[in-house]
Amino acid sequence: MASDHPIVIYPPAGDGGRRVRAGPHFLGMAYTLLDVVEFLRLAGMEDVDDDWMRQSPLVEWRGGGPDTWTAAHG
């Protein structure tokens, strides 16, 4: 399913890393919220910070919000 959000943070993998995508581009595997912020800064979004990431409607958090960095086990 395509997302209406240009930035998607995928559910945590087994090691806690979360894939980060901006538009069609894979930016990297983040292990903290600050990793996501840095990926976006390197991609040209210089004004991004952790508060922006938590509040922006441009961000879709899948499998947990910005404080979820471990995989759910069920």
N, C-alpha and C. Protein backbone atom coordinates (compact mmCIF):
# COMPACT_ATOMS: atom_id res chain seq x y z
N MET A 1 0.84 -1.17 0.00
CA MET A 1 0.00 0.00 0.00
C MET A 1 0.89 1.24 0.00
N ALA A 2 0.63 2.18 -0.85
CA ALA A 2 1.40 3.42 -0.92
C ALA A 2 0.99 4.33 0.24
N SER A 3 1.96 5.11 0.69
CA SER A 3 1.72 6.02 1.80
C SER A 3 1.47 7.43 1.28
N ASP A 4 0.63 8.18 1.96
CA ASP A 4 0.42 9.59 1.65
C ASP A 4 1.47 10.45 2.34
N HIS A 5 2.29 9.85 3.18
CA HIS A 5 3.31 10.57 3.93
C HIS A 5 4.65 10.44 3.21
N PRO A 6 5.34 11.57 2.99
CA PRO A 6 6.61 11.48 2.28
C PRO A 6 7.74 10.85 3.09
N ILE A 7 7.59 10.77 4.41
CA ILE A 7 8.63 10.16 5.25
C ILE A 7 7.99 9.00 6.00
N VAL A 8 8.56 7.81 5.84
CA VAL A 8 8.03 6.62 6.50
C VAL A 8 9.14 5.98 7.32
N ILE A 9 8.83 5.71 8.59
CA ILE A 9 9.73 4.98 9.47
C ILE A 9 9.05 3.64 9.73
N TYR A 10 9.69 2.58 9.30
CA TYR A 10 9.11 1.23 9.34
C TYR A 10 9.25 0.61 10.72
N PRO A 11 8.52 -0.47 10.99
CA PRO A 11 8.59 -1.13 12.31
C PRO A 11 10.01 -1.60 12.62
N PRO A 12 10.32 -1.69 13.91
CA PRO A 12 11.65 -2.16 14.30
C PRO A 12 11.91 -3.59 13.83
N ALA A 13 13.13 -3.81 13.37
CA ALA A 13 13.59 -5.15 13.03
C ALA A 13 14.02 -5.85 14.32
N GLY A 14 14.46 -7.08 14.21
CA GLY A 14 14.88 -7.84 15.39
C GLY A 14 15.97 -7.17 16.20
N ASP A 15 16.83 -6.41 15.52
CA ASP A 15 17.92 -5.72 16.24
C ASP A 15 17.52 -4.32 16.70
N GLY A 16 16.26 -3.92 16.47
CA GLY A 16 15.78 -2.62 16.90
C GLY A 16 15.91 -1.54 15.85
N GLY A 17 16.61 -1.83 14.76
CA GLY A 17 16.75 -0.84 13.70
C GLY A 17 15.46 -0.66 12.92
N ARG A 18 15.22 0.57 12.49
CA ARG A 18 14.02 0.89 11.71
C ARG A 18 14.44 1.49 10.38
N ARG A 19 13.92 0.94 9.27
CA ARG A 19 14.21 1.49 7.95
C ARG A 19 13.56 2.87 7.84
N VAL A 20 14.25 3.78 7.19
CA VAL A 20 13.76 5.14 7.00
C VAL A 20 13.72 5.42 5.51
N ARG A 21 12.55 5.87 5.05
CA ARG A 21 12.37 6.19 3.64
C ARG A 21 11.80 7.60 3.54
N ALA A 22 12.34 8.37 2.59
CA ALA A 22 11.80 9.69 2.27
C ALA A 22 11.46 9.67 0.79
N GLY A 23 10.16 9.73 0.49
CA GLY A 23 9.74 9.58 -0.90
C GLY A 23 10.17 8.20 -1.37
N PRO A 24 10.76 8.10 -2.55
CA PRO A 24 11.18 6.79 -3.06
C PRO A 24 12.57 6.36 -2.57
N HIS A 25 13.20 7.18 -1.75
CA HIS A 25 14.59 6.94 -1.35
C HIS A 25 14.72 6.31 0.03
N PHE A 26 15.49 5.21 0.09
CA PHE A 26 15.84 4.60 1.36
C PHE A 26 17.00 5.39 1.93
N LEU A 27 16.84 5.92 3.15
CA LEU A 27 17.87 6.77 3.74
C LEU A 27 18.81 6.01 4.66
N GLY A 28 18.34 4.92 5.24
CA GLY A 28 19.21 4.16 6.12
C GLY A 28 18.42 3.42 7.18
N MET A 29 19.18 2.79 8.06
CA MET A 29 18.61 2.04 9.18
C MET A 29 18.89 2.85 10.45
N ALA A 30 17.83 3.28 11.10
CA ALA A 30 17.96 4.11 12.30
C ALA A 30 17.79 3.26 13.55
N TYR A 31 18.58 3.59 14.56
CA TYR A 31 18.50 2.89 15.85
C TYR A 31 18.04 3.82 16.96
N THR A 32 17.92 5.11 16.64
CA THR A 32 17.40 6.10 17.58
C THR A 32 16.69 7.19 16.77
N LEU A 33 15.91 8.00 17.45
CA LEU A 33 15.25 9.12 16.80
C LEU A 33 16.29 10.08 16.21
N LEU A 34 17.40 10.26 16.90
CA LEU A 34 18.44 11.16 16.40
C LEU A 34 19.06 10.65 15.10
N ASP A 35 19.10 9.33 14.91
CA ASP A 35 19.55 8.78 13.62
C ASP A 35 18.62 9.23 12.50
N VAL A 36 17.32 9.18 12.74
CA VAL A 36 16.35 9.59 11.72
C VAL A 36 16.55 11.07 11.39
N VAL A 37 16.69 11.89 12.42
CA VAL A 37 16.92 13.33 12.22
C VAL A 37 18.16 13.55 11.36
N GLU A 38 19.24 12.85 11.66
CA GLU A 38 20.48 13.02 10.90
C GLU A 38 20.31 12.57 9.45
N PHE A 39 19.63 11.46 9.21
CA PHE A 39 19.38 11.02 7.83
C PHE A 39 18.64 12.11 7.05
N LEU A 40 17.63 12.71 7.67
CA LEU A 40 16.85 13.74 6.99
C LEU A 40 17.67 15.00 6.76
N ARG A 41 18.52 15.35 7.71
CA ARG A 41 19.40 16.51 7.52
C ARG A 41 20.34 16.27 6.34
N LEU A 42 20.92 15.07 6.27
CA LEU A 42 21.82 14.73 5.16
C LEU A 42 21.09 14.73 3.82
N ALA A 43 19.78 14.48 3.86
CA ALA A 43 18.96 14.49 2.65
C ALA A 43 18.48 15.89 2.28
N GLY A 44 18.89 16.90 3.07
CA GLY A 44 18.56 18.28 2.73
C GLY A 44 17.51 18.95 3.59
N MET A 45 16.97 18.24 4.58
CA MET A 45 15.95 18.82 5.46
C MET A 45 16.65 19.36 6.71
N GLU A 46 17.28 20.53 6.57
CA GLU A 46 18.16 21.06 7.61
C GLU A 46 17.45 21.52 8.87
N ASP A 47 16.17 21.84 8.81
CA ASP A 47 15.45 22.36 9.98
C ASP A 47 14.79 21.28 10.82
N VAL A 48 15.00 20.03 10.49
CA VAL A 48 14.37 18.92 11.21
C VAL A 48 15.06 18.73 12.56
N ASP A 49 14.24 18.51 13.60
CA ASP A 49 14.77 18.12 14.91
C ASP A 49 13.83 17.08 15.50
N ASP A 50 14.14 16.60 16.71
CA ASP A 50 13.32 15.53 17.28
C ASP A 50 11.89 15.96 17.54
N ASP A 51 11.66 17.21 17.92
CA ASP A 51 10.28 17.68 18.12
C ASP A 51 9.50 17.68 16.81
N TRP A 52 10.13 18.11 15.73
CA TRP A 52 9.48 18.11 14.42
C TRP A 52 9.10 16.69 14.04
N MET A 53 10.02 15.74 14.26
CA MET A 53 9.75 14.34 13.92
C MET A 53 8.54 13.80 14.69
N ARG A 54 8.40 14.19 15.93
CA ARG A 54 7.29 13.70 16.77
C ARG A 54 5.95 14.28 16.34
N GLN A 55 5.95 15.49 15.76
CA GLN A 55 4.70 16.21 15.52
C GLN A 55 4.29 16.34 14.06
N SER A 56 5.22 16.16 13.15
CA SER A 56 4.93 16.46 11.74
C SER A 56 3.92 15.49 11.12
N PRO A 57 2.94 16.04 10.41
CA PRO A 57 2.00 15.19 9.68
C PRO A 57 2.64 14.57 8.43
N LEU A 58 3.87 14.96 8.11
CA LEU A 58 4.58 14.41 6.96
C LEU A 58 5.24 13.07 7.26
N VAL A 59 5.23 12.70 8.55
CA VAL A 59 5.92 11.48 8.99
C VAL A 59 4.90 10.40 9.34
N GLU A 60 5.11 9.22 8.81
CA GLU A 60 4.29 8.06 9.16
C GLU A 60 5.16 7.08 9.94
N TRP A 61 4.77 6.84 11.18
CA TRP A 61 5.47 5.87 12.04
C TRP A 61 4.72 4.56 11.97
N ARG A 62 5.35 3.53 11.47
CA ARG A 62 4.73 2.21 11.38
C ARG A 62 5.30 1.30 12.46
N GLY A 63 4.42 0.59 13.15
CA GLY A 63 4.88 -0.35 14.16
C GLY A 63 5.35 0.30 15.44
N GLY A 64 4.84 1.47 15.74
CA GLY A 64 5.21 2.18 16.96
C GLY A 64 5.72 3.57 16.64
N GLY A 65 5.59 4.45 17.60
CA GLY A 65 5.98 5.83 17.41
C GLY A 65 7.46 6.09 17.60
N PRO A 66 7.82 7.35 17.79
CA PRO A 66 9.22 7.73 17.86
C PRO A 66 9.97 7.23 19.09
N ASP A 67 9.28 6.64 20.03
CA ASP A 67 9.95 6.08 21.22
C ASP A 67 10.05 4.56 21.17
N THR A 68 9.67 3.95 20.05
CA THR A 68 9.68 2.49 19.91
C THR A 68 10.89 2.07 19.08
N TRP A 69 11.84 1.42 19.74
CA TRP A 69 13.07 1.00 19.06
C TRP A 69 13.42 -0.45 19.34
N THR A 70 12.45 -1.23 19.75
CA THR A 70 12.65 -2.67 19.89
C THR A 70 11.50 -3.37 19.18
N ALA A 71 11.79 -4.51 18.62
CA ALA A 71 10.77 -5.27 17.89
C ALA A 71 9.76 -5.86 18.85
N ALA A 72 8.49 -5.83 18.45
CA ALA A 72 7.44 -6.46 19.25
C ALA A 72 7.52 -7.97 19.05
N HIS A 73 7.40 -8.69 20.13
CA HIS A 73 7.41 -10.16 20.05
C HIS A 73 6.05 -10.67 20.45
N GLY A 74 5.50 -11.55 19.65
CA GLY A 74 4.16 -11.97 19.96
C GLY A 74 3.91 -13.36 19.84
